[in-house]
Protein backbone atom coordinates (compact mmCIF):
# COMPACT_ATOMS: atom_id res chain seq x y z
CA MET A 1 315.97 107.78 1.29
CA ARG A 2 312.93 110.00 0.76
CA ARG A 3 312.24 113.64 -0.13
CA CYS A 4 309.50 116.04 0.94
CA ARG A 5 307.55 117.26 -2.07
CA GLY A 6 306.77 120.51 -0.29
CA CYS A 7 310.22 121.87 0.64
CA GLY A 8 312.61 119.29 -0.82
CA LEU A 9 313.99 118.09 2.54
CA ILE A 10 316.00 114.85 2.19
CA ASP A 11 315.30 112.29 4.93
CA TYR A 12 317.55 109.23 5.35
CA ARG A 13 316.05 106.10 6.89
CA TYR A 14 318.64 103.46 7.73
CA HIS A 15 317.24 99.96 8.20
CA SER A 16 319.91 97.64 6.92
CA CYS A 17 320.52 95.32 9.88
CA GLY A 18 317.05 93.92 10.68
CA ASN A 19 318.13 93.07 14.23
CA ARG A 20 315.28 93.06 16.76
CA HIS A 21 317.36 95.23 19.12
CA CYS A 22 318.02 97.98 16.56
CA PRO A 23 316.39 101.34 17.48
CA GLN A 24 315.63 102.03 13.79
CA CYS A 25 314.66 98.79 12.06
CA GLY A 26 311.40 97.79 13.70
CA GLY A 27 308.94 100.32 12.27
CA CYS A 28 307.22 98.04 9.76
CA LYS A 29 307.11 95.13 12.21
CA ARG A 30 305.63 97.34 14.91
CA ALA A 31 302.88 98.52 12.57
CA ALA A 32 302.05 94.97 11.46
CA TRP A 33 302.05 93.72 15.05
CA LEU A 34 299.78 96.56 16.15
CA GLU A 35 297.24 95.80 13.41
CA LYS A 36 297.10 92.11 14.37
CA ARG A 37 296.58 92.91 18.04
CA ARG A 38 293.87 95.45 17.21
CA ALA A 39 291.99 92.73 15.35
CA GLU A 40 291.94 90.66 18.56
CA LEU A 41 290.41 93.37 20.77
CA LEU A 42 287.06 92.57 22.32
CA ASP A 43 284.20 94.90 23.19
CA ALA A 44 285.13 94.97 26.87
CA PRO A 45 287.09 97.24 29.22
CA TYR A 46 290.82 96.49 29.18
CA PHE A 47 293.30 96.75 32.02
CA HIS A 48 297.02 97.43 32.06
CA VAL A 49 298.86 95.22 34.59
CA VAL A 50 302.60 95.44 35.30
CA PHE A 51 304.62 92.87 37.28
CA THR A 52 308.03 94.10 38.50
CA LEU A 53 310.92 92.13 39.96
CA PRO A 54 312.62 93.57 43.08
CA HIS A 55 316.02 95.17 42.60
CA THR A 56 317.56 92.50 44.88
CA LEU A 57 317.31 89.99 42.02
CA SER A 58 318.83 92.20 39.31
CA ALA A 59 322.35 90.71 39.37
CA LEU A 60 321.05 87.12 39.50
CA VAL A 61 318.64 87.79 36.62
CA LEU A 62 321.40 89.29 34.45
CA GLY A 63 323.45 86.14 34.86
CA ASN A 64 320.50 83.86 34.06
CA ARG A 65 318.36 85.80 31.62
CA GLU A 66 317.02 82.84 29.64
CA VAL A 67 315.75 81.07 32.76
CA LEU A 68 314.62 83.99 34.90
CA TYR A 69 312.99 86.07 32.17
CA GLY A 70 311.02 82.97 31.21
CA LEU A 71 310.09 82.48 34.86
CA LEU A 72 308.96 86.12 35.02
CA PHE A 73 306.58 85.52 32.12
CA GLU A 74 305.21 82.29 33.55
CA ALA A 75 304.78 83.60 37.11
CA SER A 76 302.99 86.78 36.02
CA ALA A 77 300.70 85.04 33.51
CA GLN A 78 299.80 82.17 35.84
CA THR A 79 299.14 84.68 38.62
CA LEU A 80 296.60 86.50 36.46
CA LEU A 81 294.97 83.29 35.22
CA GLU A 82 294.78 81.75 38.70
CA VAL A 83 293.45 84.79 40.54
CA ALA A 84 290.95 85.55 37.77
CA ALA A 85 289.68 81.94 37.81
CA ASN A 86 288.99 82.15 41.55
CA PRO A 87 285.20 82.52 41.98
CA ARG A 88 285.76 84.98 44.84
CA HIS A 89 287.34 87.43 42.39
CA LEU A 90 286.13 86.93 38.81
CA GLY A 91 285.59 83.24 38.09
CA ALA A 92 286.58 83.53 34.44
CA ARG A 93 289.21 82.31 32.00
CA ILE A 94 290.89 85.47 30.70
CA GLY A 95 293.40 86.30 27.97
CA VAL A 96 296.81 87.82 28.64
CA LEU A 97 299.12 89.67 26.25
CA ALA A 98 302.53 90.06 27.94
CA VAL A 99 305.54 92.09 26.79
CA LEU A 100 308.95 92.04 28.49
CA HIS A 101 310.51 95.40 29.37
CA THR A 102 313.95 95.47 31.00
CA TRP A 103 315.04 99.12 31.09
CA GLY A 104 314.22 102.35 32.86
CA GLN A 105 314.50 105.92 31.59
CA GLN A 106 318.20 106.05 32.49
CA LEU A 107 318.89 102.65 30.85
CA GLU A 108 319.39 100.92 34.18
CA HIS A 109 318.29 97.29 34.57
CA HIS A 110 314.64 97.23 35.60
CA PRO A 111 312.96 93.95 34.55
CA HIS A 112 309.17 93.93 34.44
CA VAL A 113 306.34 92.62 32.28
CA HIS A 114 303.52 94.71 30.82
CA CYS A 115 300.23 92.84 30.44
CA VAL A 116 297.13 93.95 28.54
CA VAL A 117 294.12 92.03 29.87
CA PRO A 118 290.40 92.24 28.98
CA GLY A 119 288.14 92.93 31.93
CA GLY A 120 286.33 89.63 31.68
CA GLY A 121 286.46 86.17 30.21
CA LEU A 122 284.70 82.86 29.79
CA ALA A 123 283.07 81.52 32.95
CA CYS A 124 285.16 78.72 34.44
CA ASP A 125 285.58 76.62 37.54
CA GLY A 126 288.23 77.22 40.19
CA GLY A 127 290.79 75.24 38.19
CA GLY A 128 290.42 77.40 35.09
CA ALA A 129 288.41 74.92 32.97
CA VAL A 130 285.78 76.71 30.87
CA GLU A 131 282.24 75.68 31.83
CA GLU A 132 279.58 74.59 29.34
CA PRO A 133 277.65 76.33 27.94
CA TRP A 134 280.12 79.13 27.35
CA ARG A 135 279.18 82.36 29.13
CA TRP A 136 280.94 85.72 29.24
CA ARG A 137 281.63 87.04 32.73
CA SER A 138 282.70 90.67 33.19
CA CYS A 139 284.43 92.45 36.03
CA ARG A 140 283.52 95.89 37.30
CA ALA A 141 284.28 98.72 34.90
CA SER A 142 286.85 100.37 37.18
CA PHE A 143 288.21 97.35 39.08
CA PHE A 144 289.85 94.21 37.75
CA LEU A 145 291.61 92.16 40.43
CA PRO A 146 293.02 93.11 43.87
CA VAL A 147 296.67 94.15 43.41
CA LYS A 148 297.62 93.02 46.92
CA VAL A 149 296.50 89.48 46.12
CA LEU A 150 298.24 89.62 42.74
CA GLY A 151 301.50 90.73 44.39
CA GLN A 152 301.40 87.95 46.99
CA VAL A 153 300.61 85.21 44.47
CA PHE A 154 303.21 86.54 42.02
CA ARG A 155 305.88 86.60 44.72
CA GLY A 156 305.08 83.06 45.82
CA LYS A 157 305.15 81.67 42.28
CA TYR A 158 308.40 83.40 41.34
CA VAL A 159 310.24 82.43 44.54
CA ASP A 160 309.04 78.85 44.18
CA GLY A 161 310.27 78.83 40.58
CA LEU A 162 313.65 80.16 41.73
CA ARG A 163 313.97 77.37 44.26
CA ARG A 164 313.11 74.69 41.67
CA ALA A 165 315.56 76.16 39.16
CA TYR A 166 318.29 76.05 41.82
CA GLN A 167 317.49 72.46 42.71
CA ARG A 168 317.66 71.44 39.03
CA GLY A 169 321.03 73.16 38.62
CA GLU A 170 319.75 75.60 35.97
CA LEU A 171 321.22 78.73 37.58
CA ARG A 172 324.73 80.10 37.06
CA PHE A 173 326.55 82.05 39.76
CA ALA A 174 329.53 84.32 39.12
CA GLY A 175 330.94 87.65 40.25
CA GLY A 176 328.68 89.31 42.78
CA THR A 177 326.36 86.29 42.89
CA ALA A 178 329.08 83.62 43.39
CA GLU A 179 328.30 83.26 47.10
CA LEU A 180 324.70 82.30 46.27
CA ALA A 181 325.96 78.97 44.95
CA ASP A 182 325.94 77.78 48.58
CA ARG A 183 322.51 76.53 49.59
CA PRO A 184 322.33 78.43 52.95
CA ALA A 185 323.10 81.72 51.20
CA PHE A 186 320.56 81.04 48.46
CA GLU A 187 317.85 80.10 50.99
CA ALA A 188 318.61 83.30 52.90
CA LEU A 189 318.05 85.25 49.67
CA LEU A 190 314.70 83.53 49.14
CA GLN A 191 313.60 84.20 52.71
CA GLY A 192 314.53 87.86 52.30
CA LEU A 193 312.34 88.10 49.21
CA TYR A 194 309.31 87.13 51.30
CA THR A 195 309.87 90.09 53.65
CA THR A 196 309.29 92.70 50.92
CA ASP A 197 306.13 93.62 49.05
CA TRP A 198 306.36 92.96 45.32
CA VAL A 199 305.00 95.77 43.19
CA VAL A 200 302.05 95.05 40.90
CA TYR A 201 300.35 97.87 38.99
CA ALA A 202 296.80 97.34 37.71
CA LYS A 203 294.63 100.15 36.38
CA PRO A 204 292.28 100.73 33.48
CA PRO A 205 294.20 102.07 30.48
CA PHE A 206 293.67 105.78 29.97
CA GLY A 207 292.12 106.25 26.54
CA GLY A 208 291.30 102.58 25.96
CA PRO A 209 293.23 99.43 25.06
CA GLU A 210 294.56 100.78 21.76
CA GLN A 211 296.55 103.42 23.61
CA VAL A 212 298.24 100.73 25.71
CA LEU A 213 298.99 98.71 22.57
CA LYS A 214 300.62 101.76 20.98
CA TYR A 215 302.56 102.32 24.21
CA LEU A 216 303.81 98.73 24.15
CA THR A 217 305.09 99.05 20.57
CA GLY A 218 307.95 101.09 22.02
CA TYR A 219 309.11 97.86 23.69
CA THR A 220 308.10 95.14 21.24
CA HIS A 221 310.51 95.78 18.36
CA ARG A 222 313.05 98.14 19.86
CA VAL A 223 315.40 98.18 22.83
CA ALA A 224 316.51 100.73 25.43
CA LEU A 225 315.93 104.03 23.60
CA SER A 226 314.99 105.50 20.25
CA ASN A 227 317.28 107.57 18.06
CA SER A 228 315.18 110.66 18.79
CA ARG A 229 316.39 110.61 22.41
CA LEU A 230 320.05 110.92 21.41
CA VAL A 231 321.12 114.56 21.76
CA ARG A 232 324.83 114.66 20.98
CA LEU A 233 328.00 112.59 20.84
CA THR A 234 331.30 114.15 21.94
CA GLU A 235 334.66 113.02 23.21
CA GLU A 236 333.30 113.36 26.75
CA GLY A 237 330.44 110.96 26.16
CA VAL A 238 326.91 110.36 24.89
CA THR A 239 324.05 112.68 25.88
CA PHE A 240 320.44 111.51 25.76
CA THR A 241 317.12 112.67 27.18
CA TRP A 242 315.16 110.93 29.91
CA LYS A 243 311.81 111.54 31.57
CA ASP A 244 311.88 112.36 35.27
CA TYR A 245 308.63 110.91 36.63
CA ALA A 246 309.35 112.35 40.10
CA ALA A 247 309.33 115.88 38.64
CA ASN A 248 306.01 115.74 36.78
CA CYS A 249 307.53 113.88 33.78
CA ARG A 250 310.00 116.67 33.08
CA HIS A 251 312.51 115.90 30.32
CA ARG A 252 316.14 116.06 31.39
CA GLU A 253 319.49 115.29 29.79
CA MET A 254 322.06 112.74 30.96
CA THR A 255 325.64 112.34 29.73
CA LEU A 256 327.45 109.01 30.06
CA SER A 257 330.88 107.96 28.89
CA GLY A 258 330.88 105.89 25.73
CA VAL A 259 331.83 102.74 27.62
CA GLU A 260 329.14 103.23 30.28
CA PHE A 261 326.50 104.01 27.64
CA LEU A 262 327.30 100.81 25.74
CA ARG A 263 327.34 98.82 28.99
CA ARG A 264 323.86 100.02 29.91
CA PHE A 265 322.54 99.45 26.40
CA CYS A 266 323.90 95.89 26.25
CA LEU A 267 322.14 95.03 29.51
CA HIS A 268 318.94 94.88 27.47
CA VAL A 269 320.14 92.88 24.46
CA LEU A 270 318.39 89.55 24.94
CA PRO A 271 320.03 86.19 24.31
CA ARG A 272 319.05 84.56 21.07
CA GLY A 273 315.87 82.55 21.39
CA VAL A 274 314.34 84.58 24.23
CA VAL A 275 310.87 85.68 23.10
CA ARG A 276 309.65 88.90 24.69
CA ILE A 277 306.06 88.92 23.37
CA ARG A 278 303.85 86.11 24.68
CA GLN A 279 300.14 85.39 24.95
CA TYR A 280 298.32 83.18 27.42
CA GLY A 281 294.87 81.94 28.28
CA LEU A 282 292.23 82.86 25.71
CA LEU A 283 294.95 84.42 23.54
CA SER A 284 297.28 81.42 23.39
CA ASN A 285 297.89 79.99 19.94
CA ARG A 286 295.93 76.79 20.37
CA ASP A 287 292.35 77.29 19.09
CA ARG A 288 292.67 81.06 19.57
CA SER A 289 290.49 81.93 16.57
CA GLU A 290 287.65 79.71 17.80
CA ARG A 291 287.78 81.09 21.34
CA LEU A 292 287.87 84.72 20.23
CA GLY A 293 285.05 84.05 17.77
CA ARG A 294 282.87 82.65 20.56
CA CYS A 295 283.75 85.61 22.78
CA ARG A 296 282.70 88.05 20.04
CA GLU A 297 279.45 86.16 19.64
CA LEU A 298 278.74 86.32 23.38
CA LEU A 299 279.52 90.05 23.43
CA GLY A 300 277.32 90.75 20.42
CA MET A 301 280.23 91.77 18.20
CA SER A 302 280.73 91.17 14.50
CA PRO A 303 282.19 87.67 13.96
CA ASP A 304 284.67 89.14 11.45
CA PRO A 305 286.99 91.72 13.07
CA ALA A 306 287.59 93.32 9.67
CA GLU A 307 283.91 94.29 9.45
CA ALA A 308 284.17 96.30 12.65
CA GLN A 309 287.27 98.20 11.53
CA PRO A 310 286.55 101.55 9.87
CA ALA A 311 288.07 102.14 6.49
CA SER A 312 291.52 103.67 6.70
CA GLY A 313 292.20 107.22 5.64
CA GLY A 314 294.33 105.98 2.76
CA GLY A 315 291.54 103.68 1.56
CA ARG A 316 288.96 106.45 1.57
CA VAL A 317 291.31 108.80 -0.27
CA ALA A 318 292.13 106.15 -2.87
CA LEU A 319 288.43 105.39 -3.42
CA GLY A 320 287.59 109.05 -3.84
CA TRP A 321 290.37 109.64 -6.35
CA TRP A 322 289.46 106.45 -8.22
CA LEU A 323 285.92 107.76 -8.69
CA LEU A 324 287.29 111.12 -9.80
CA GLY A 325 289.56 109.42 -12.31
CA TRP A 326 286.65 107.40 -13.68
CA LEU A 327 284.62 110.57 -14.16
CA LEU A 328 287.53 112.33 -15.87
CA LEU A 329 288.14 109.35 -18.13
CA SER A 330 284.44 109.31 -19.05
CA SER A 331 284.68 112.98 -20.01
CA GLY A 332 287.38 112.20 -22.57
CA SER A 333 289.77 114.93 -21.34
CA VAL A 334 293.34 113.62 -21.31
CA GLU A 335 294.68 116.74 -19.58
CA LEU A 336 292.16 116.47 -16.75
CA LEU A 337 292.88 112.74 -16.43
CA ALA A 338 296.64 113.39 -16.13
CA ALA A 339 296.04 116.06 -13.48
CA GLY A 340 293.79 113.69 -11.56
CA LEU A 341 296.42 110.93 -11.62
CA ARG A 342 299.05 113.35 -10.30
CA GLY A 343 296.69 114.34 -7.51
CA LEU A 344 296.03 110.68 -6.71
CA THR A 345 299.76 110.02 -6.42
CA LEU A 346 300.24 112.95 -4.05
CA ALA A 347 297.21 111.98 -1.95
CA LEU A 348 298.27 108.35 -1.58
CA ALA A 349 301.78 109.41 -0.60
CA ALA A 350 300.38 111.74 2.04
CA ALA A 351 297.95 109.12 3.36
CA GLY A 352 300.66 106.46 3.57
CA SER A 353 303.07 108.63 5.51
CA GLU A 354 302.49 108.78 9.24
CA GLU A 355 304.94 111.63 9.79
CA SER A 356 304.92 115.26 8.75
CA CYS A 357 307.94 117.06 7.39
CA PRO A 358 309.68 118.80 10.33
CA TRP A 359 310.29 121.90 8.19
CA CYS A 360 307.13 122.60 6.21
CA GLY A 361 304.62 120.28 7.89
CA ASN A 362 303.76 118.58 4.59
CA ARG A 363 302.78 114.91 4.80
CA CYS A 364 303.67 114.13 1.19
CA TRP A 365 306.92 112.19 0.76
CA GLU A 366 308.43 110.55 -2.31
CA THR A 367 310.90 107.68 -2.15
CA LEU A 368 314.16 108.42 -3.95
CA TRP A 369 315.98 105.18 -3.21
CA GLN A 370 315.05 102.02 -1.37
CA GLN A 371 316.68 98.63 -1.00
CA GLU A 372 315.27 95.46 0.51
CA ARG A 373 316.53 94.80 4.00
CA PRO A 374 318.70 91.67 4.31
CA ARG A 375 317.21 89.02 6.56
CA HIS A 376 318.76 88.81 10.03
CA PRO A 377 318.78 85.57 12.09
CA ASP A 378 316.97 87.32 14.97
CA ALA A 379 314.38 88.95 12.73
CA GLN A 380 311.43 86.68 13.60
CA GLU A 381 312.09 85.95 17.25
CA ASP A 382 309.58 88.57 18.36
CA SER A 383 306.88 88.15 15.74
CA GLY A 384 304.20 88.54 18.42
CA GLU A 385 302.10 85.69 17.06
CA GLY A 386 301.54 84.41 20.57
CA TYR A 387 303.00 81.93 23.01
CA ASP A 388 301.35 78.55 23.12
CA SER A 389 300.42 78.24 26.77
CA SER A 390 297.08 77.34 28.27
């Protein structure tokens, strides 16, 4: 619980569960994750690539989320690594940061993976092995890889993975997918998947890679929708806002019955153990620091990412007030020193708060009561430290 020093508004912040699917609890984890990913950014253009599964597979995926979400990660990442390694396209070993996103604006099931990829990598052969001596190879500033090729390779890898999962008996069939247990029906489904174009989006991020990272934080430590989108709760149902992309991103309201709202929300609660933040290629855990260090050296960047980061607003404010306090202390005036300390407290509180008071616009909050959040079993499943895959 905190209070605005300007108008006295009381703001309650509930974060007692620590579950990775809670709309409220992931703020600190999102901020920490964002800072770590910023430290890994290279001085190169970045691209935002999205791999989407066709709606035909939605029911099958919901019944086999552990297997088919994992296959979605692997197929999309290996598609990027394989196409980028091809000398006809880029001929480089790239890094891939992938985040799973399973919902649309109306909370329907819409599984896809967002990937943030640097526009270049270490020169490699056709098999993806980095060539000696290490050399940085860049793509064109406005073009990364052909999306038509990415879609075809992605479709082939995912369908092949589906067939192998079926042959190993890893898939479960029930309800609307029960008939797919028969091999002829399952093969007919696979053949039908080849007749449709699979959607792959690949464009330079507007505003740079940091904007895409901030955009992804809405999916990394939160599920389905934020509390700010909830409008009202009545006996008739739950009303929330959604963005209509077909109408120039106009915000609309939708009301669902309580049962239907919970059903849609639970579609996106992942089974325990399913990691939705993974990193591949140059960003995989194994020897990541060494690879990124060599990439910074080749790009002429500072070897220490911290040196390239500008001082934060809070750090500059604290330094300024520390110098003021030292001057006041040297003057021997206790009253001036006390006033300076009060100003320092207010300034640090304002600098540490990312939000303004909705009533007075003040950015100076004071904490009235705070309790440590109990640890939840799912708390570290999406730490974002990377997925060890080469």
